[in-house]
Each structure stands twice: as C-alpha cells, then as structure tokens.
Protein backbone atom coordinates (compact mmCIF):
# COMPACT_ATOMS: atom_id res chain seq x y z
CA UNK A 1 0.00 0.00 0.00
CA UNK A 2 1.39 3.40 -0.99
CA UNK A 3 1.40 6.14 1.60
CA UNK A 4 -0.48 9.19 0.46
CA UNK A 5 1.42 12.48 0.45
CA UNK A 6 0.71 14.90 3.26
CA UNK A 7 -1.37 17.93 2.34
CA UNK A 8 -1.43 21.53 3.47
CA UNK A 9 -2.40 24.88 2.08
CA UNK A 10 0.03 27.54 0.99
CA UNK A 11 -1.40 29.67 3.81
CA UNK A 12 -0.43 26.93 6.30
CA UNK A 13 3.15 27.07 5.05
CA UNK A 14 3.27 30.86 5.22
CA UNK A 15 1.63 31.11 8.66
CA UNK A 16 3.11 28.01 10.34
CA UNK A 17 6.21 27.06 8.34
CA UNK A 18 7.88 24.79 10.94
CA UNK A 19 4.74 22.83 11.75
CA UNK A 20 3.82 22.52 8.08
CA UNK A 21 7.27 21.36 6.95
CA UNK A 22 7.42 18.93 9.89
CA UNK A 23 4.79 16.87 8.01
CA UNK A 24 7.58 15.81 5.64
CA UNK A 25 9.00 13.64 8.42
CA UNK A 26 6.13 11.16 7.96
CA UNK A 27 5.58 11.57 4.22
CA UNK A 28 7.80 11.60 1.14
CA UNK A 29 5.99 14.62 -0.22
CA UNK A 30 3.92 17.54 0.97
CA UNK A 31 1.26 18.77 -1.45
CA UNK A 32 0.52 22.46 -1.05
CA UNK A 33 -3.02 23.14 -2.20
CA UNK A 34 -3.53 26.59 -3.73
CA UNK A 35 -6.86 28.18 -4.51
CA UNK A 36 -5.99 30.16 -7.61
CA UNK A 37 -3.00 28.30 -8.99
CA UNK A 38 -1.58 24.87 -9.60
CA UNK A 39 -0.77 22.89 -6.45
CA UNK A 40 2.88 22.60 -5.42
CA UNK A 41 4.83 19.60 -4.15
CA UNK A 42 7.58 19.87 -1.56
CA UNK A 43 10.03 17.08 -0.84
CA UNK A 44 13.51 16.88 0.58
CA UNK A 45 16.50 17.16 -1.73
CA UNK A 46 17.64 13.70 -0.63
CA UNK A 47 14.27 12.14 -1.52
CA UNK A 48 14.13 13.95 -4.87
CA UNK A 49 17.62 12.70 -5.69
CA UNK A 50 16.62 9.16 -4.72
CA UNK A 51 13.52 9.32 -6.94
CA UNK A 52 15.62 10.57 -9.86
CA UNK A 53 18.18 7.81 -9.26
CA UNK A 54 15.43 5.18 -9.45
CA UNK A 55 14.31 6.46 -12.86
CA UNK A 56 17.88 6.79 -14.11
CA UNK A 57 18.96 3.34 -12.93
CA UNK A 58 15.82 1.58 -14.15
CA UNK A 59 16.27 3.15 -17.56
CA UNK A 60 19.92 2.11 -17.66
CA UNK A 61 18.87 -1.43 -16.76
CA UNK A 62 16.40 -1.57 -19.66
CA UNK A 63 18.93 -0.04 -22.05
CA UNK A 64 21.52 -2.67 -21.15
CA UNK A 65 18.97 -5.50 -21.31
CA UNK A 66 17.95 -4.36 -24.80
CA UNK A 67 21.60 -4.10 -25.83
CA UNK A 68 22.27 -7.67 -24.63
CA UNK A 69 19.08 -9.22 -26.00
CA UNK A 70 16.91 -7.63 -28.74
CA UNK A 71 13.99 -9.78 -27.54
CA UNK A 72 13.69 -7.39 -24.59
CA UNK A 73 12.72 -4.61 -27.01
CA UNK A 74 10.28 -6.97 -28.69
CA UNK A 75 8.68 -7.66 -25.32
CA UNK A 76 8.63 -3.93 -24.47
CA UNK A 77 6.79 -3.24 -27.73
CA UNK A 78 4.30 -6.02 -26.99
CA UNK A 79 3.41 -4.58 -23.57
CA UNK A 80 3.11 -0.95 -24.73
CA UNK A 81 -0.72 -1.09 -24.90
CA UNK A 82 -0.84 -2.05 -21.22
CA UNK A 83 1.23 1.00 -20.30
CA UNK A 84 -0.12 3.40 -22.93
CA UNK A 85 -3.60 2.17 -24.00
CA UNK A 86 -3.82 4.85 -26.71
CA UNK A 87 -0.90 3.24 -28.58
CA UNK A 88 -3.44 0.78 -30.07
CA UNK A 89 -4.53 3.59 -32.41
CA UNK A 90 -1.05 3.90 -33.91
CA UNK A 91 -0.04 1.66 -36.79
CA UNK A 92 1.68 -1.38 -35.28
CA UNK A 93 4.85 -0.70 -37.23
CA UNK A 94 5.14 2.62 -35.33
CA UNK A 95 5.16 0.92 -31.92
CA UNK A 96 8.89 0.00 -31.99
CA UNK A 97 9.78 3.56 -32.99
CA UNK A 98 7.76 4.98 -30.09
CA UNK A 99 9.29 2.48 -27.64
CA UNK A 100 12.83 3.30 -28.77
CA UNK A 101 12.26 7.06 -28.62
CA UNK A 102 10.60 6.77 -25.22
CA UNK A 103 13.45 4.73 -23.75
CA UNK A 104 16.04 7.13 -25.21
CA UNK A 105 14.15 10.10 -23.75
CA UNK A 106 13.92 8.36 -20.36
CA UNK A 107 17.66 7.75 -20.45
CA UNK A 108 18.41 11.39 -21.19
CA UNK A 109 15.89 12.56 -18.59
CA UNK A 110 17.53 10.40 -15.94
CA UNK A 111 20.90 11.94 -16.68
CA UNK A 112 19.47 15.47 -16.57
CA UNK A 113 17.08 14.91 -13.64
CA UNK A 114 14.40 16.50 -15.82
CA UNK A 115 11.48 14.58 -17.31
CA UNK A 116 10.01 17.41 -19.38
CA UNK A 117 11.32 15.97 -22.65
CA UNK A 118 9.73 12.59 -21.86
CA UNK A 119 6.38 14.25 -21.21
CA UNK A 120 6.65 16.13 -24.50
CA UNK A 121 7.56 13.01 -26.44
CA UNK A 122 4.65 11.01 -24.97
CA UNK A 123 2.26 13.91 -25.60
CA UNK A 124 3.38 14.08 -29.24
CA UNK A 125 2.89 10.36 -29.82
CA UNK A 126 -0.45 10.48 -28.01
CA UNK A 127 -1.58 13.33 -30.27
CA UNK A 128 -0.55 11.26 -33.28
CA UNK A 129 -2.61 8.35 -31.94
CA UNK A 130 -5.60 10.69 -31.54
CA UNK A 131 -5.30 11.62 -35.22
CA UNK A 132 -5.24 7.96 -36.26
CA UNK A 133 -8.23 7.28 -33.98
CA UNK A 134 -10.39 9.93 -35.66
CA UNK A 135 -11.09 8.95 -39.30
CA UNK A 136 -12.38 12.42 -40.19
CA UNK A 137 -9.34 14.19 -38.76
CA UNK A 138 -6.99 11.61 -40.31
CA UNK A 139 -8.59 12.20 -43.74
CA UNK A 140 -8.22 15.96 -43.41
CA UNK A 141 -4.57 15.77 -42.36
CA UNK A 142 -3.55 13.22 -45.00
CA UNK A 143 -5.40 14.55 -48.04
CA UNK A 144 -3.57 15.99 -51.01
CA UNK A 145 -3.00 19.73 -50.95
CA UNK A 146 -2.25 22.26 -53.65
CA UNK A 147 1.38 22.66 -52.56
CA UNK A 148 0.98 26.26 -51.39
CA UNK A 149 3.45 27.10 -48.63
CA UNK A 150 1.74 29.25 -46.05
CA UNK A 151 4.94 29.82 -44.09
CA UNK A 152 5.95 28.64 -40.64
CA UNK A 153 3.28 27.66 -38.15
CA UNK A 154 3.55 29.56 -34.88
CA UNK A 155 3.17 27.70 -31.60
CA UNK A 156 -0.31 28.19 -30.12
CA UNK A 157 0.91 30.48 -27.32
CA UNK A 158 2.67 32.96 -29.65
CA UNK A 159 0.45 35.88 -30.66
CA UNK A 160 0.36 36.75 -34.34
C-alpha cells in the first residue's frame, strides 16, 4: 500500500512554516493546495535525488537489457498497450519507434534529472494516436493539398 502524500495549504506554510514542513517527516511529499494556482509539491532534496536515481537506474537497466538481447525490445513493444492504451490507435509498425524514442528520452531525462522531454515526447505520440483514432481528422490531415506554402506555423501560445 502506498502512503499518500501529506497535504497543506500555501497559507499553512506561510503562517506556520515549521509545523507545516514537519509533516515531511512522515511523508515523502507535501502537497501544497492553492486556490488560484496549480498545487505545489515539496520534498527533501535527498528524496528527490533518490527518486531521480530510481528512474535513471531503471532506464539504464532496460537499455543494457535491450543491448544484450533484442527480444527485450520486442517484449517492451508487446506490452506498450498495457502502459499506454492509446498506442493501439497507432499503426503497429510505429510501436517500436515509439518504444525506442521513449526509452532514449527516459535515459536522457535520468541523466538530466528532468522529465520534461519525456512528457513532451509522450504527448506528441499520443496526439498522433488521436489523429489515427479519428477517421475524419486523419482524412483531413492526410489529403492531397495544392502545394501552397503558407509559411511557418507559430506555436499556439505565440500571438500573431
């Protein structure tokens, strides 16, 4: 059974910092609930480093297992739908590519102690799966076009 993280409000931390942070003694994380913003998570540096080491070392283990025996990658590809159910919407020949990119991104993330690139990679593949899952959208995005170049596409958060 996994212990739930302790919870407090940002006001608790500001008004009673010692008592609020003392909750970390019994919990790996303290979730700070905020009314008008995203919640925050506080943990100790030692626990954060240990969590990052677990990801890094597990990824290294898989990388070495794949290097020693290609059947490990075959098995990883076979179990992808259990981990990422949306992968079923991708063409099956894309599954090995996703698995390889995901493991490479995990490896890099473990070395950097930053999983943002992994999240972006998974989000991109998931978006691709959503396109394959929607026949109307797939038809629109794969139809022939007149070849007109409309220039670069700006990211959604950049104003025109």
